[in-house]
Amino acid sequence: MKRQGRRTLVIAGLLTESCVSFPVLSALEEGYDVRVVADVCSGLTPASHEASLRRLEQAGAVMTSWLQFLLEMQRDWTRHDSYEAARAIVVDHGGGYGIGLDYARDMIHPA
């Protein structure tokens, strides 16, 4: 990361209390901007997971969700190079939003 000059890390994982918290806190100490994809992390209990997320946020990490992160990476639905891959993920895993995307596509560009 240092050699490539990257300053933003995106972190998620199991056991929010340690396997997510320790690298996030270390990265923040080293001056990295850190995004924690909170809804793809998990703790021993819902309460301990939430407490860990609050601790990381207080330390300076930015919380996000998987969908928010994907949409920020896609940013613009006219980016054709990544449109189909991003759309497919949202359709398969995005609940009502995915259904809406599918519907809008079918109505705007029917086969």
N, C-alpha and C. Protein backbone atom coordinates (compact mmCIF):
# COMPACT_ATOMS: atom_id res chain seq x y z
N MET A 1 0.83 -1.18 0.00
CA MET A 1 0.00 0.00 0.00
C MET A 1 0.88 1.25 0.00
N LYS A 2 1.88 1.26 0.83
CA LYS A 2 2.73 2.44 0.92
C LYS A 2 3.47 2.70 -0.38
N ARG A 3 4.03 1.63 -0.98
CA ARG A 3 4.78 1.80 -2.22
C ARG A 3 3.92 2.32 -3.35
N GLN A 4 2.65 1.92 -3.37
CA GLN A 4 1.76 2.36 -4.43
C GLN A 4 1.13 3.71 -4.13
N GLY A 5 1.34 4.22 -2.94
CA GLY A 5 0.83 5.53 -2.59
C GLY A 5 -0.66 5.56 -2.29
N ARG A 6 -1.24 4.43 -2.02
CA ARG A 6 -2.68 4.39 -1.72
C ARG A 6 -2.89 4.77 -0.26
N ARG A 7 -3.90 5.59 -0.02
CA ARG A 7 -4.16 6.11 1.32
C ARG A 7 -5.51 5.69 1.88
N THR A 8 -6.34 5.03 1.09
CA THR A 8 -7.66 4.62 1.56
C THR A 8 -7.76 3.11 1.56
N LEU A 9 -8.20 2.57 2.68
CA LEU A 9 -8.39 1.13 2.82
C LEU A 9 -9.88 0.85 3.03
N VAL A 10 -10.36 -0.24 2.47
CA VAL A 10 -11.72 -0.71 2.68
C VAL A 10 -11.59 -2.05 3.37
N ILE A 11 -12.20 -2.15 4.55
CA ILE A 11 -12.01 -3.34 5.38
C ILE A 11 -13.36 -3.91 5.80
N ALA A 12 -13.46 -5.24 5.77
CA ALA A 12 -14.62 -5.97 6.28
C ALA A 12 -14.13 -7.33 6.73
N GLY A 13 -14.90 -8.01 7.55
CA GLY A 13 -14.50 -9.35 7.97
C GLY A 13 -15.33 -9.86 9.11
N LEU A 14 -15.01 -11.05 9.52
CA LEU A 14 -15.70 -11.66 10.65
C LEU A 14 -14.98 -11.30 11.94
N LEU A 15 -15.71 -11.31 12.98
CA LEU A 15 -15.30 -10.94 14.33
C LEU A 15 -14.86 -9.48 14.37
N THR A 16 -15.84 -8.63 14.28
CA THR A 16 -15.63 -7.19 14.28
C THR A 16 -14.79 -6.76 15.47
N GLU A 17 -14.95 -7.44 16.59
CA GLU A 17 -14.25 -7.05 17.82
C GLU A 17 -12.73 -7.16 17.72
N SER A 18 -12.23 -8.02 16.85
CA SER A 18 -10.77 -8.15 16.75
C SER A 18 -10.27 -8.14 15.32
N CYS A 19 -10.75 -9.05 14.50
CA CYS A 19 -10.22 -9.21 13.14
C CYS A 19 -10.49 -8.00 12.25
N VAL A 20 -11.49 -7.22 12.57
CA VAL A 20 -11.75 -5.98 11.87
C VAL A 20 -11.15 -4.81 12.65
N SER A 21 -11.40 -4.78 13.95
CA SER A 21 -10.98 -3.64 14.77
C SER A 21 -9.47 -3.43 14.77
N PHE A 22 -8.70 -4.47 14.96
CA PHE A 22 -7.25 -4.28 15.10
C PHE A 22 -6.61 -3.71 13.83
N PRO A 23 -6.88 -4.25 12.65
CA PRO A 23 -6.27 -3.63 11.46
C PRO A 23 -6.80 -2.22 11.19
N VAL A 24 -8.07 -1.98 11.49
CA VAL A 24 -8.61 -0.63 11.29
C VAL A 24 -7.91 0.36 12.20
N LEU A 25 -7.80 0.04 13.47
CA LEU A 25 -7.15 0.95 14.41
C LEU A 25 -5.68 1.17 14.05
N SER A 26 -5.00 0.12 13.64
CA SER A 26 -3.59 0.25 13.23
C SER A 26 -3.47 1.14 11.99
N ALA A 27 -4.34 0.93 11.02
CA ALA A 27 -4.29 1.73 9.79
C ALA A 27 -4.59 3.20 10.08
N LEU A 28 -5.55 3.44 10.95
CA LEU A 28 -5.86 4.82 11.31
C LEU A 28 -4.66 5.49 11.99
N GLU A 29 -4.00 4.74 12.88
CA GLU A 29 -2.79 5.26 13.54
C GLU A 29 -1.71 5.62 12.54
N GLU A 30 -1.63 4.86 11.45
CA GLU A 30 -0.61 5.11 10.42
C GLU A 30 -1.05 6.17 9.41
N GLY A 31 -2.22 6.75 9.62
CA GLY A 31 -2.65 7.85 8.78
C GLY A 31 -3.49 7.49 7.57
N TYR A 32 -3.93 6.24 7.49
CA TYR A 32 -4.78 5.84 6.36
C TYR A 32 -6.21 6.32 6.59
N ASP A 33 -6.92 6.56 5.50
CA ASP A 33 -8.37 6.74 5.54
C ASP A 33 -8.94 5.34 5.47
N VAL A 34 -9.87 5.03 6.37
CA VAL A 34 -10.39 3.66 6.42
C VAL A 34 -11.91 3.69 6.31
N ARG A 35 -12.41 2.84 5.43
CA ARG A 35 -13.85 2.60 5.28
C ARG A 35 -14.13 1.20 5.79
N VAL A 36 -15.10 1.07 6.66
CA VAL A 36 -15.50 -0.23 7.18
C VAL A 36 -16.86 -0.57 6.58
N VAL A 37 -16.93 -1.69 5.86
CA VAL A 37 -18.18 -2.12 5.25
C VAL A 37 -18.95 -2.88 6.34
N ALA A 38 -19.72 -2.12 7.10
CA ALA A 38 -20.29 -2.60 8.36
C ALA A 38 -21.26 -3.76 8.21
N ASP A 39 -22.03 -3.79 7.13
CA ASP A 39 -23.04 -4.83 7.02
C ASP A 39 -22.51 -6.15 6.46
N VAL A 40 -21.23 -6.23 6.20
CA VAL A 40 -20.62 -7.52 5.84
C VAL A 40 -19.61 -7.95 6.89
N CYS A 41 -19.67 -7.30 8.06
CA CYS A 41 -18.88 -7.70 9.23
C CYS A 41 -19.83 -8.37 10.22
N SER A 42 -19.26 -9.11 11.14
CA SER A 42 -20.09 -9.74 12.16
C SER A 42 -19.29 -9.91 13.43
N GLY A 43 -19.98 -9.79 14.55
CA GLY A 43 -19.35 -9.98 15.84
C GLY A 43 -19.93 -11.18 16.57
N LEU A 44 -19.48 -11.38 17.79
CA LEU A 44 -20.00 -12.49 18.59
C LEU A 44 -21.48 -12.32 18.88
N THR A 45 -21.89 -11.08 19.12
CA THR A 45 -23.30 -10.78 19.35
C THR A 45 -23.61 -9.49 18.58
N PRO A 46 -24.88 -9.25 18.30
CA PRO A 46 -25.22 -7.97 17.66
C PRO A 46 -24.76 -6.77 18.48
N ALA A 47 -24.87 -6.85 19.79
CA ALA A 47 -24.46 -5.73 20.64
C ALA A 47 -22.95 -5.49 20.59
N SER A 48 -22.17 -6.57 20.61
CA SER A 48 -20.71 -6.39 20.56
C SER A 48 -20.26 -5.91 19.19
N HIS A 49 -20.94 -6.35 18.14
CA HIS A 49 -20.65 -5.88 16.79
C HIS A 49 -20.90 -4.37 16.70
N GLU A 50 -22.06 -3.93 17.17
CA GLU A 50 -22.41 -2.50 17.13
C GLU A 50 -21.46 -1.67 17.97
N ALA A 51 -21.09 -2.18 19.14
CA ALA A 51 -20.15 -1.45 20.01
C ALA A 51 -18.79 -1.30 19.31
N SER A 52 -18.35 -2.34 18.63
CA SER A 52 -17.08 -2.29 17.91
C SER A 52 -17.14 -1.28 16.77
N LEU A 53 -18.24 -1.26 16.05
CA LEU A 53 -18.39 -0.29 14.96
C LEU A 53 -18.38 1.14 15.50
N ARG A 54 -19.05 1.36 16.61
CA ARG A 54 -19.05 2.70 17.21
C ARG A 54 -17.64 3.10 17.63
N ARG A 55 -16.88 2.16 18.19
CA ARG A 55 -15.50 2.43 18.60
C ARG A 55 -14.65 2.82 17.39
N LEU A 56 -14.78 2.08 16.31
CA LEU A 56 -14.01 2.37 15.10
C LEU A 56 -14.39 3.72 14.50
N GLU A 57 -15.67 4.03 14.55
CA GLU A 57 -16.12 5.32 14.03
C GLU A 57 -15.57 6.46 14.89
N GLN A 58 -15.57 6.28 16.20
CA GLN A 58 -15.01 7.29 17.09
C GLN A 58 -13.52 7.50 16.83
N ALA A 59 -12.84 6.44 16.39
CA ALA A 59 -11.40 6.53 16.12
C ALA A 59 -11.12 7.17 14.76
N GLY A 60 -12.18 7.33 13.93
CA GLY A 60 -11.99 8.00 12.66
C GLY A 60 -12.33 7.19 11.42
N ALA A 61 -12.72 5.95 11.58
CA ALA A 61 -13.13 5.14 10.42
C ALA A 61 -14.50 5.61 9.94
N VAL A 62 -14.73 5.45 8.65
CA VAL A 62 -16.01 5.82 8.06
C VAL A 62 -16.80 4.54 7.80
N MET A 63 -18.02 4.49 8.32
CA MET A 63 -18.87 3.32 8.13
C MET A 63 -19.59 3.43 6.79
N THR A 64 -19.74 2.29 6.13
CA THR A 64 -20.50 2.24 4.90
C THR A 64 -21.18 0.87 4.82
N SER A 65 -22.02 0.70 3.82
CA SER A 65 -22.67 -0.59 3.58
C SER A 65 -22.12 -1.14 2.26
N TRP A 66 -22.36 -2.42 2.01
CA TRP A 66 -21.86 -3.01 0.76
C TRP A 66 -22.48 -2.32 -0.45
N LEU A 67 -23.77 -2.00 -0.35
CA LEU A 67 -24.44 -1.38 -1.49
C LEU A 67 -23.93 0.04 -1.71
N GLN A 68 -23.75 0.79 -0.63
CA GLN A 68 -23.22 2.14 -0.77
C GLN A 68 -21.83 2.11 -1.38
N PHE A 69 -21.01 1.17 -0.94
CA PHE A 69 -19.65 1.07 -1.48
C PHE A 69 -19.68 0.73 -2.97
N LEU A 70 -20.51 -0.24 -3.35
CA LEU A 70 -20.62 -0.61 -4.76
C LEU A 70 -21.10 0.58 -5.60
N LEU A 71 -22.09 1.29 -5.10
CA LEU A 71 -22.63 2.42 -5.86
C LEU A 71 -21.61 3.55 -5.96
N GLU A 72 -20.82 3.76 -4.93
CA GLU A 72 -19.77 4.78 -5.01
C GLU A 72 -18.69 4.37 -6.01
N MET A 73 -18.39 3.09 -6.08
CA MET A 73 -17.39 2.64 -7.05
C MET A 73 -17.94 2.76 -8.47
N GLN A 74 -19.20 2.42 -8.67
CA GLN A 74 -19.83 2.54 -9.99
C GLN A 74 -20.06 4.02 -10.32
N ARG A 75 -20.52 4.74 -9.33
CA ARG A 75 -20.73 6.18 -9.37
C ARG A 75 -21.73 6.65 -10.43
N ASP A 76 -21.61 6.16 -11.63
CA ASP A 76 -22.41 6.66 -12.74
C ASP A 76 -22.85 5.47 -13.58
N TRP A 77 -24.16 5.29 -13.72
CA TRP A 77 -24.67 4.13 -14.45
C TRP A 77 -24.41 4.22 -15.94
N THR A 78 -23.86 5.33 -16.43
CA THR A 78 -23.48 5.41 -17.84
C THR A 78 -22.06 4.91 -18.07
N ARG A 79 -21.37 4.49 -17.03
CA ARG A 79 -20.03 3.89 -17.19
C ARG A 79 -20.22 2.47 -17.70
N HIS A 80 -20.17 2.29 -18.99
CA HIS A 80 -20.52 1.02 -19.61
C HIS A 80 -19.53 -0.10 -19.32
N ASP A 81 -18.27 0.22 -19.03
CA ASP A 81 -17.28 -0.83 -18.79
C ASP A 81 -17.60 -1.66 -17.54
N SER A 82 -18.27 -1.08 -16.56
CA SER A 82 -18.58 -1.82 -15.34
C SER A 82 -20.08 -1.92 -15.06
N TYR A 83 -20.89 -1.39 -15.94
CA TYR A 83 -22.33 -1.36 -15.72
C TYR A 83 -22.93 -2.74 -15.49
N GLU A 84 -22.68 -3.67 -16.40
CA GLU A 84 -23.33 -4.98 -16.31
C GLU A 84 -22.93 -5.73 -15.03
N ALA A 85 -21.65 -5.68 -14.69
CA ALA A 85 -21.20 -6.39 -13.48
C ALA A 85 -21.83 -5.78 -12.23
N ALA A 86 -21.83 -4.45 -12.14
CA ALA A 86 -22.42 -3.78 -10.97
C ALA A 86 -23.93 -4.04 -10.91
N ARG A 87 -24.59 -3.92 -12.05
CA ARG A 87 -26.03 -4.14 -12.09
C ARG A 87 -26.39 -5.56 -11.68
N ALA A 88 -25.62 -6.53 -12.14
CA ALA A 88 -25.89 -7.93 -11.80
C ALA A 88 -25.78 -8.18 -10.30
N ILE A 89 -24.78 -7.57 -9.67
CA ILE A 89 -24.63 -7.73 -8.22
C ILE A 89 -25.83 -7.15 -7.50
N VAL A 90 -26.25 -5.95 -7.91
CA VAL A 90 -27.40 -5.31 -7.26
C VAL A 90 -28.68 -6.10 -7.50
N VAL A 91 -28.88 -6.59 -8.71
CA VAL A 91 -30.08 -7.38 -9.01
C VAL A 91 -30.10 -8.65 -8.17
N ASP A 92 -28.95 -9.33 -8.05
CA ASP A 92 -28.89 -10.59 -7.31
C ASP A 92 -28.98 -10.41 -5.79
N HIS A 93 -28.49 -9.28 -5.28
CA HIS A 93 -28.36 -9.15 -3.83
C HIS A 93 -28.97 -7.89 -3.23
N GLY A 94 -29.53 -7.03 -4.07
CA GLY A 94 -29.99 -5.73 -3.60
C GLY A 94 -31.46 -5.63 -3.26
N GLY A 95 -32.14 -6.74 -3.09
CA GLY A 95 -33.54 -6.71 -2.69
C GLY A 95 -34.39 -5.87 -3.61
N GLY A 96 -35.21 -5.01 -3.02
CA GLY A 96 -36.13 -4.18 -3.79
C GLY A 96 -35.42 -3.24 -4.76
N TYR A 97 -34.24 -2.76 -4.37
CA TYR A 97 -33.50 -1.88 -5.27
C TYR A 97 -33.08 -2.65 -6.52
N GLY A 98 -32.65 -3.89 -6.34
CA GLY A 98 -32.27 -4.72 -7.48
C GLY A 98 -33.44 -5.00 -8.38
N ILE A 99 -34.59 -5.26 -7.78
CA ILE A 99 -35.80 -5.49 -8.57
C ILE A 99 -36.15 -4.23 -9.36
N GLY A 100 -36.00 -3.08 -8.74
CA GLY A 100 -36.27 -1.81 -9.42
C GLY A 100 -35.32 -1.56 -10.58
N LEU A 101 -34.05 -1.90 -10.38
CA LEU A 101 -33.07 -1.75 -11.47
C LEU A 101 -33.43 -2.63 -12.65
N ASP A 102 -33.79 -3.86 -12.35
CA ASP A 102 -34.18 -4.80 -13.40
C ASP A 102 -35.41 -4.28 -14.15
N TYR A 103 -36.39 -3.82 -13.39
CA TYR A 103 -37.62 -3.31 -13.98
C TYR A 103 -37.33 -2.09 -14.87
N ALA A 104 -36.53 -1.15 -14.34
CA ALA A 104 -36.21 0.06 -15.10
C ALA A 104 -35.49 -0.28 -16.39
N ARG A 105 -34.57 -1.22 -16.33
CA ARG A 105 -33.84 -1.61 -17.53
C ARG A 105 -34.78 -2.22 -18.57
N ASP A 106 -35.66 -3.09 -18.10
CA ASP A 106 -36.61 -3.73 -19.03
C ASP A 106 -37.57 -2.71 -19.64
N MET A 107 -37.95 -1.69 -18.88
CA MET A 107 -38.89 -0.69 -19.39
C MET A 107 -38.19 0.29 -20.34
N ILE A 108 -36.92 0.61 -20.04
CA ILE A 108 -36.20 1.59 -20.86
C ILE A 108 -35.60 0.95 -22.11
N HIS A 109 -35.06 -0.25 -21.94
CA HIS A 109 -34.40 -0.94 -23.05
C HIS A 109 -34.97 -2.35 -23.18
N PRO A 110 -36.21 -2.49 -23.60
CA PRO A 110 -36.78 -3.85 -23.71
C PRO A 110 -36.02 -4.69 -24.73
N ALA A 111 -35.96 -5.98 -24.43
CA ALA A 111 -35.23 -6.91 -25.31
C ALA A 111 -35.92 -7.09 -26.63
